[in-house]
Amino acid sequence: MNKAYNQTTDVAIQQLFNNLSPNEPGCAYIASFDDGLTFKGAVGLESIEKKRPITTKTIFNLASVSKQFTAFAILLLEQEGKLSLDDSILNYIPSLGAYAEPVTLRHLIHHTGGLVDYMELAEKAGISDKDKLTAEQSLEHLEKYQIADFPVGTKFEYSNTGYFLLSLVVEKASGKSLREFSKERIFEPLNMNDTTIVDGYPTNISIARGYSKNEQEAFEIYESPWEHTGDGAVHTNVEDLVKWGQNFATGTVGGKKLVKRMGEVGPKTSSAGKLIIDNEDYGFGLSIGETFDSHYLEHSGQWAGYPSHFMRFLEEGLTIAVLSNYEDFDSEEYAVKIAEIIIGKSAKK
């Protein structure tokens, strides 16, 4: 692409962020083609208290953008013959109880398992997102509940429980925590050196502070010490997400055949032949987008003071990521606007 395109595009993207203050929480963004052409920047502070500016190296909590890494770990283990997507979850976590026996790993990946969301159970137990909550506590909550939200495979309902349980499956099948497995098998081979999974607090990793606004419209720290992995908890920066995005083209980790499976949606019908109502186009921790007259994979995240959005345009070889440390920031909106500028088409559906 020519120099004029590069300069015009860079200016247009920068202008998207003109309304953001350099003295408040903000965001880092990147849009990078596999050939190296990259547009990136950052606005705002990663710490109001220390007046540290955000850079494209600043580490954020990815929240649910993390789910794709969990699904990828499951596919790696399946590739090695250490599990099958059609295994019952009880093969790995028998304590869940007989009612969960029909629920397979495939159901959990595609959000059709019907298990109650562990966050709801925490709320019922009077535990807020600012209180400490361990994976063991949530597993106990799930073991006591014993009621499905709906018959397995009959409905799509986005579930953090499914991906939390998949992290435990990785641990049982590999003998390593999801943090250790992901570091060894995904992050290090891709040179994602600033990427890790946080599975305990406090942590010594330098992370952008998360913020919300109080009733007086003043910023205050908003972070959660919950220790679950699988549904969230990957911490990284926009630079490392480009390395991850490039793996969708190269298959450096997993191989091209496995990488392609990340965009395969779940079954539209249950094993009983019943049509799944409102089944979204959801693959392996990623949604399948079809706007822009293009085929792409994407996922949003939102947890405490960390909104995030990731997009991977397959044919264009383009990765876009927007990460923020302010609860009400719309990372998806900004990512889509960046895509509109670069691709030159509106995201009309």
Protein backbone atom coordinates (compact mmCIF):
# COMPACT_ATOMS: atom_id res chain seq x y z
CA MET A 1 0.00 0.00 0.00
CA ASN A 2 1.31 3.43 -0.86
CA LYS A 3 2.72 6.08 1.42
CA ALA A 4 -0.28 8.41 0.98
CA TYR A 5 -2.62 5.65 2.11
CA ASN A 6 -0.46 5.00 5.15
CA GLN A 7 -0.39 8.65 6.24
CA THR A 8 -4.09 9.31 5.55
CA THR A 9 -5.12 6.13 7.35
CA ASP A 10 -2.88 6.82 10.33
CA VAL A 11 -4.30 10.33 10.75
CA ALA A 12 -7.90 9.11 10.39
CA ILE A 13 -7.36 6.45 13.07
CA GLN A 14 -5.68 8.89 15.43
CA GLN A 15 -8.62 11.27 15.06
CA LEU A 16 -10.96 8.59 16.42
CA PHE A 17 -9.29 9.07 19.80
CA ASN A 18 -9.18 12.88 19.84
CA ASN A 19 -12.04 13.00 22.34
CA LEU A 20 -10.05 11.09 24.97
CA SER A 21 -8.17 12.92 27.70
CA PRO A 22 -4.46 12.21 28.24
CA ASN A 23 -5.06 12.65 31.99
CA GLU A 24 -7.68 9.90 32.43
CA PRO A 25 -7.80 6.14 31.88
CA GLY A 26 -7.75 5.36 28.18
CA CYS A 27 -6.71 2.68 25.74
CA ALA A 28 -4.07 1.18 23.51
CA TYR A 29 -4.90 0.15 19.95
CA ILE A 30 -3.22 -1.61 17.06
CA ALA A 31 -4.11 -2.60 13.51
CA SER A 32 -1.44 -4.67 11.84
CA PHE A 33 -1.19 -6.50 8.53
CA ASP A 34 0.90 -9.66 8.39
CA ASP A 35 3.24 -7.93 5.91
CA GLY A 36 4.25 -5.50 8.65
CA LEU A 37 2.14 -2.43 7.84
CA THR A 38 0.96 -1.30 11.27
CA PHE A 39 -1.09 1.53 12.75
CA LYS A 40 -0.90 1.83 16.51
CA GLY A 41 -1.19 4.25 19.38
CA ALA A 42 -2.25 4.86 22.95
CA VAL A 43 -4.13 7.53 24.86
CA GLY A 44 -4.56 8.15 28.58
CA LEU A 45 -3.03 6.88 31.79
CA GLU A 46 -2.39 3.32 32.90
CA SER A 47 -2.22 4.69 36.46
CA ILE A 48 -3.89 7.94 37.48
CA GLU A 49 -2.16 7.80 40.85
CA LYS A 50 1.34 7.50 39.35
CA LYS A 51 0.53 9.52 36.22
CA ARG A 52 1.99 6.77 34.02
CA PRO A 53 0.88 7.02 30.37
CA ILE A 54 -0.51 4.05 28.47
CA THR A 55 1.71 2.71 25.66
CA THR A 56 1.24 -0.13 23.19
CA LYS A 57 3.34 -2.22 25.60
CA THR A 58 0.95 -1.63 28.52
CA ILE A 59 -0.56 -4.87 29.82
CA PHE A 60 -4.33 -5.15 30.27
CA ASN A 61 -6.69 -7.85 31.50
CA LEU A 62 -8.29 -9.30 28.34
CA ALA A 63 -11.41 -10.53 30.17
CA SER A 64 -13.43 -12.73 27.78
CA VAL A 65 -11.08 -12.19 24.84
CA SER A 66 -9.15 -14.86 26.78
CA LYS A 67 -11.64 -17.58 25.80
CA GLN A 68 -10.01 -18.22 22.42
CA PHE A 69 -6.75 -19.23 24.13
CA THR A 70 -8.61 -21.75 26.30
CA ALA A 71 -10.35 -23.25 23.27
CA PHE A 72 -7.01 -23.38 21.45
CA ALA A 73 -5.43 -25.23 24.39
CA ILE A 74 -8.25 -27.80 24.24
CA LEU A 75 -7.66 -28.29 20.50
CA LEU A 76 -3.92 -28.78 21.09
CA LEU A 77 -4.67 -31.48 23.65
CA GLU A 78 -7.17 -33.14 21.32
CA GLN A 79 -4.52 -33.10 18.59
CA GLU A 80 -2.24 -35.03 20.96
CA GLY A 81 -4.95 -37.58 21.74
CA LYS A 82 -5.20 -36.49 25.37
CA LEU A 83 -8.92 -35.74 25.16
CA SER A 84 -11.90 -35.76 22.82
CA LEU A 85 -14.35 -32.90 22.30
CA ASP A 86 -17.10 -35.47 22.78
CA ASP A 87 -15.88 -36.46 26.24
CA SER A 88 -18.32 -35.81 29.06
CA ILE A 89 -17.22 -33.08 31.46
CA LEU A 90 -17.61 -35.73 34.18
CA ASN A 91 -14.56 -37.54 32.76
CA TYR A 92 -12.54 -34.68 34.20
CA ILE A 93 -14.73 -33.24 36.97
CA PRO A 94 -16.92 -36.12 38.28
CA SER A 95 -17.87 -34.07 41.35
CA LEU A 96 -20.24 -31.95 39.21
CA GLY A 97 -22.82 -34.71 39.55
CA ALA A 98 -24.80 -37.04 37.30
CA TYR A 99 -27.02 -34.28 35.89
CA ALA A 100 -24.00 -32.92 33.99
CA GLU A 101 -23.11 -36.27 32.40
CA PRO A 102 -24.55 -35.41 28.93
CA VAL A 103 -22.51 -32.17 28.79
CA THR A 104 -19.47 -32.57 26.55
CA LEU A 105 -16.42 -30.39 26.04
CA ARG A 106 -17.87 -29.45 22.66
CA HIS A 107 -21.04 -28.15 24.35
CA LEU A 108 -18.94 -26.04 26.72
CA ILE A 109 -16.84 -24.57 23.88
CA HIS A 110 -19.93 -23.53 21.91
CA HIS A 111 -22.01 -22.32 24.91
CA THR A 112 -24.72 -24.98 24.62
CA GLY A 113 -24.00 -26.88 27.85
CA GLY A 114 -26.87 -25.54 29.93
CA LEU A 115 -24.87 -25.25 33.16
CA VAL A 116 -25.59 -22.32 35.46
CA ASP A 117 -23.18 -19.39 35.30
CA TYR A 118 -20.83 -19.48 38.28
CA MET A 119 -21.10 -15.70 38.55
CA GLU A 120 -24.81 -16.04 39.34
CA LEU A 121 -24.01 -18.51 42.10
CA ALA A 122 -21.42 -16.14 43.55
CA GLU A 123 -24.00 -13.36 43.58
CA LYS A 124 -26.51 -15.64 45.34
CA ALA A 125 -23.82 -16.37 47.95
CA GLY A 126 -23.39 -12.62 48.54
CA ILE A 127 -19.96 -12.47 46.90
CA SER A 128 -19.30 -9.36 44.80
CA ASP A 129 -16.73 -9.00 42.03
CA LYS A 130 -14.58 -6.99 44.43
CA ASP A 131 -14.47 -9.81 47.00
CA LYS A 132 -11.99 -12.65 46.82
CA LEU A 133 -13.35 -15.73 45.05
CA THR A 134 -11.26 -18.79 44.24
CA ALA A 135 -11.80 -21.42 41.57
CA GLU A 136 -12.28 -23.98 44.33
CA GLN A 137 -15.13 -21.98 45.85
CA SER A 138 -16.93 -21.68 42.52
CA LEU A 139 -16.51 -25.39 41.87
CA GLU A 140 -18.14 -26.05 45.25
CA HIS A 141 -21.02 -23.74 44.31
CA LEU A 142 -21.52 -25.64 41.05
CA GLU A 143 -21.36 -29.02 42.79
CA LYS A 144 -24.14 -27.97 45.17
CA TYR A 145 -26.42 -26.48 42.52
CA GLN A 146 -27.26 -29.63 40.50
CA ILE A 147 -29.86 -27.99 38.24
CA ALA A 148 -29.41 -27.37 34.52
CA ASP A 149 -30.55 -24.04 33.09
CA PHE A 150 -31.79 -25.85 29.98
CA PRO A 151 -31.44 -29.32 28.39
CA VAL A 152 -27.94 -29.75 27.00
CA GLY A 153 -27.52 -28.90 23.32
CA THR A 154 -30.92 -27.26 22.90
CA LYS A 155 -29.95 -23.61 23.25
CA PHE A 156 -27.08 -21.16 22.87
CA GLU A 157 -26.48 -19.23 26.09
CA TYR A 158 -23.16 -17.51 26.63
CA SER A 159 -21.53 -19.15 29.64
CA ASN A 160 -18.46 -18.28 31.65
CA THR A 161 -18.91 -21.55 33.54
CA GLY A 162 -18.16 -23.55 30.41
CA TYR A 163 -14.79 -21.94 29.83
CA PHE A 164 -13.90 -21.96 33.53
CA LEU A 165 -14.51 -25.73 33.53
CA LEU A 166 -12.46 -26.11 30.33
CA SER A 167 -9.48 -24.61 32.15
CA LEU A 168 -9.80 -27.41 34.71
CA VAL A 169 -9.99 -29.93 31.85
CA VAL A 170 -6.69 -28.61 30.49
CA GLU A 171 -5.17 -29.11 33.92
CA LYS A 172 -6.47 -32.69 34.24
CA ALA A 173 -5.49 -33.67 30.69
CA SER A 174 -2.03 -32.05 30.65
CA GLY A 175 -0.97 -32.19 34.28
CA LYS A 176 -0.31 -28.45 34.17
CA SER A 177 -2.36 -25.41 35.08
CA LEU A 178 -3.82 -23.44 32.19
CA ARG A 179 -1.29 -20.70 33.03
CA GLU A 180 1.65 -23.10 32.75
CA PHE A 181 0.30 -24.93 29.70
CA SER A 182 -0.46 -21.72 27.80
CA LYS A 183 2.93 -20.23 28.56
CA GLU A 184 4.80 -23.34 27.43
CA ARG A 185 2.68 -24.31 24.43
CA ILE A 186 1.26 -21.02 23.10
CA PHE A 187 2.80 -17.84 24.44
CA GLU A 188 6.50 -18.73 24.44
CA PRO A 189 6.53 -20.41 20.97
CA LEU A 190 4.87 -17.27 19.53
CA ASN A 191 7.27 -14.95 21.40
CA MET A 192 4.32 -13.43 23.26
CA ASN A 193 6.73 -12.49 26.01
CA ASP A 194 4.43 -9.97 27.72
CA THR A 195 1.50 -12.40 27.93
CA THR A 196 0.51 -14.44 30.94
CA ILE A 197 -2.50 -15.82 32.77
CA VAL A 198 -3.05 -14.41 36.25
CA ASP A 199 -4.48 -17.14 38.48
CA GLY A 200 -3.76 -15.67 41.89
CA TYR A 201 -3.67 -12.33 43.67
CA PRO A 202 -1.76 -10.27 44.54
CA THR A 203 0.41 -10.44 41.40
CA ASN A 204 3.77 -8.83 40.73
CA ILE A 205 2.97 -8.29 37.04
CA SER A 206 2.82 -4.65 35.97
CA ILE A 207 -0.79 -4.19 34.78
CA ALA A 208 -2.74 -1.06 33.90
CA ARG A 209 -5.01 -0.18 36.81
CA GLY A 210 -8.70 -0.68 36.06
CA TYR A 211 -11.10 2.23 36.73
CA SER A 212 -14.75 3.14 36.96
CA LYS A 213 -16.49 6.41 37.90
CA ASN A 214 -18.23 6.88 41.22
CA GLU A 215 -21.45 8.85 41.83
CA GLN A 216 -19.41 12.05 41.99
CA GLU A 217 -18.05 11.31 38.49
CA ALA A 218 -14.56 10.82 39.89
CA PHE A 219 -12.39 7.93 38.76
CA GLU A 220 -11.79 5.17 41.26
CA ILE A 221 -9.94 1.87 40.98
CA TYR A 222 -12.20 -0.97 39.86
CA GLU A 223 -10.49 -4.35 39.79
CA SER A 224 -11.49 -7.87 40.77
CA PRO A 225 -9.40 -10.41 42.71
CA TRP A 226 -11.36 -13.42 41.36
CA GLU A 227 -8.93 -16.21 40.53
CA HIS A 228 -10.75 -18.12 37.78
CA THR A 229 -9.05 -18.89 34.51
CA GLY A 230 -10.38 -20.13 31.19
CA ASP A 231 -13.21 -17.64 30.80
CA GLY A 232 -10.83 -14.72 31.36
CA ALA A 233 -7.54 -13.88 33.11
CA VAL A 234 -5.17 -13.64 30.13
CA HIS A 235 -3.15 -10.45 30.54
CA THR A 236 -1.30 -8.98 27.58
CA ASN A 237 -0.73 -5.95 25.36
CA VAL A 238 -1.80 -5.06 21.83
CA GLU A 239 1.66 -5.83 20.43
CA ASP A 240 1.50 -9.46 21.59
CA LEU A 241 -2.04 -9.86 20.24
CA VAL A 242 -0.66 -9.17 16.76
CA LYS A 243 1.70 -12.15 17.18
CA TRP A 244 -1.30 -14.26 18.14
CA GLY A 245 -3.27 -12.95 15.17
CA GLN A 246 -0.46 -13.88 12.77
CA ASN A 247 -0.66 -17.50 13.96
CA PHE A 248 -4.05 -17.72 12.23
CA ALA A 249 -2.12 -17.44 8.95
CA THR A 250 1.10 -19.27 9.77
CA GLY A 251 -0.09 -22.06 12.05
CA THR A 252 3.28 -21.81 13.79
CA VAL A 253 1.61 -23.27 16.85
CA GLY A 254 -0.90 -26.03 16.23
CA GLY A 255 -0.58 -26.15 12.44
CA LYS A 256 -2.83 -24.61 9.80
CA LYS A 257 -5.48 -27.33 10.00
CA LEU A 258 -6.02 -26.83 13.72
CA VAL A 259 -5.97 -23.03 13.42
CA LYS A 260 -8.69 -23.19 10.78
CA ARG A 261 -10.92 -25.05 13.22
CA MET A 262 -11.01 -22.02 15.51
CA GLY A 263 -13.60 -20.52 13.15
CA GLU A 264 -15.84 -23.61 13.00
CA VAL A 265 -19.23 -22.94 14.57
CA GLY A 266 -21.01 -25.36 16.85
CA PRO A 267 -23.81 -27.69 15.72
CA LYS A 268 -27.07 -25.96 14.88
CA THR A 269 -29.08 -28.88 16.28
CA SER A 270 -28.86 -30.98 19.42
CA SER A 271 -28.11 -34.71 19.41
CA ALA A 272 -31.88 -35.24 19.61
CA GLY A 273 -32.30 -33.37 16.33
CA LYS A 274 -33.86 -30.32 17.96
CA LEU A 275 -33.01 -26.96 16.40
CA ILE A 276 -30.97 -24.76 18.72
CA ILE A 277 -32.83 -21.48 19.15
CA ASP A 278 -30.83 -18.27 18.69
CA ASN A 279 -27.61 -20.18 18.04
CA GLU A 280 -24.99 -17.57 17.34
CA ASP A 281 -22.15 -18.02 14.88
CA TYR A 282 -19.72 -18.92 17.65
CA GLY A 283 -16.62 -20.97 17.01
CA PHE A 284 -13.83 -21.85 19.43
CA GLY A 285 -13.78 -18.87 21.80
CA LEU A 286 -14.44 -16.57 18.84
CA SER A 287 -17.48 -15.19 17.06
CA ILE A 288 -17.62 -15.28 13.27
CA GLY A 289 -18.21 -11.90 11.68
CA GLU A 290 -19.52 -11.33 8.15
CA THR A 291 -19.84 -7.55 7.91
CA PHE A 292 -17.47 -5.41 5.78
CA ASP A 293 -18.14 -8.02 3.03
CA SER A 294 -15.35 -9.92 4.74
CA HIS A 295 -14.87 -13.02 6.87
CA TYR A 296 -13.33 -12.38 10.27
CA LEU A 297 -13.11 -13.72 13.81
CA GLU A 298 -13.70 -11.51 16.84
CA HIS A 299 -14.44 -11.42 20.55
CA SER A 300 -15.19 -8.77 23.14
CA GLY A 301 -14.23 -8.74 26.78
CA GLN A 302 -15.57 -6.85 29.79
CA TRP A 303 -14.54 -7.54 33.36
CA ALA A 304 -14.36 -4.96 36.14
CA GLY A 305 -12.42 -1.99 34.70
CA TYR A 306 -11.18 -3.76 31.56
CA PRO A 307 -13.07 -3.65 28.23
CA SER A 308 -11.31 -5.29 25.27
CA HIS A 309 -11.91 -6.26 21.66
CA PHE A 310 -9.98 -8.44 19.21
CA MET A 311 -10.57 -8.89 15.46
CA ARG A 312 -8.77 -11.08 12.97
CA PHE A 313 -9.53 -10.58 9.27
CA LEU A 314 -8.52 -13.86 7.66
CA GLU A 315 -8.30 -12.99 3.96
CA GLU A 316 -6.70 -9.59 4.60
CA GLY A 317 -4.16 -10.92 7.09
CA LEU A 318 -5.15 -8.11 9.46
CA THR A 319 -5.26 -8.09 13.27
CA ILE A 320 -7.02 -5.32 15.22
CA ALA A 321 -7.03 -4.98 19.00
CA VAL A 322 -8.29 -2.28 21.35
CA LEU A 323 -7.66 -2.63 25.09
CA SER A 324 -8.84 -0.22 27.79
CA ASN A 325 -8.69 0.32 31.54
CA TYR A 326 -11.97 2.24 31.94
CA GLU A 327 -15.16 0.31 32.60
CA ASP A 328 -17.42 2.35 30.28
CA PHE A 329 -15.03 2.50 27.32
CA ASP A 330 -16.46 0.84 24.20
CA SER A 331 -13.49 -1.10 22.84
CA GLU A 332 -15.64 -2.87 20.25
CA GLU A 333 -16.93 0.40 18.79
CA TYR A 334 -13.40 1.73 18.36
CA ALA A 335 -12.13 -1.53 16.87
CA VAL A 336 -14.95 -1.53 14.31
CA LYS A 337 -14.28 2.11 13.40
CA ILE A 338 -10.60 1.31 12.88
CA ALA A 339 -11.60 -1.59 10.63
CA GLU A 340 -13.94 0.68 8.64
CA ILE A 341 -11.12 3.13 7.99
CA ILE A 342 -8.60 0.50 6.95
CA ILE A 343 -10.89 -1.70 4.87
CA GLY A 344 -12.74 1.27 3.41
CA LYS A 345 -16.18 -0.18 3.98
CA SER A 346 -18.91 0.38 6.54
CA ALA A 347 -19.73 -2.34 9.04
CA LYS A 348 -23.43 -2.28 8.13
CA LYS A 349 -25.18 -5.55 8.83
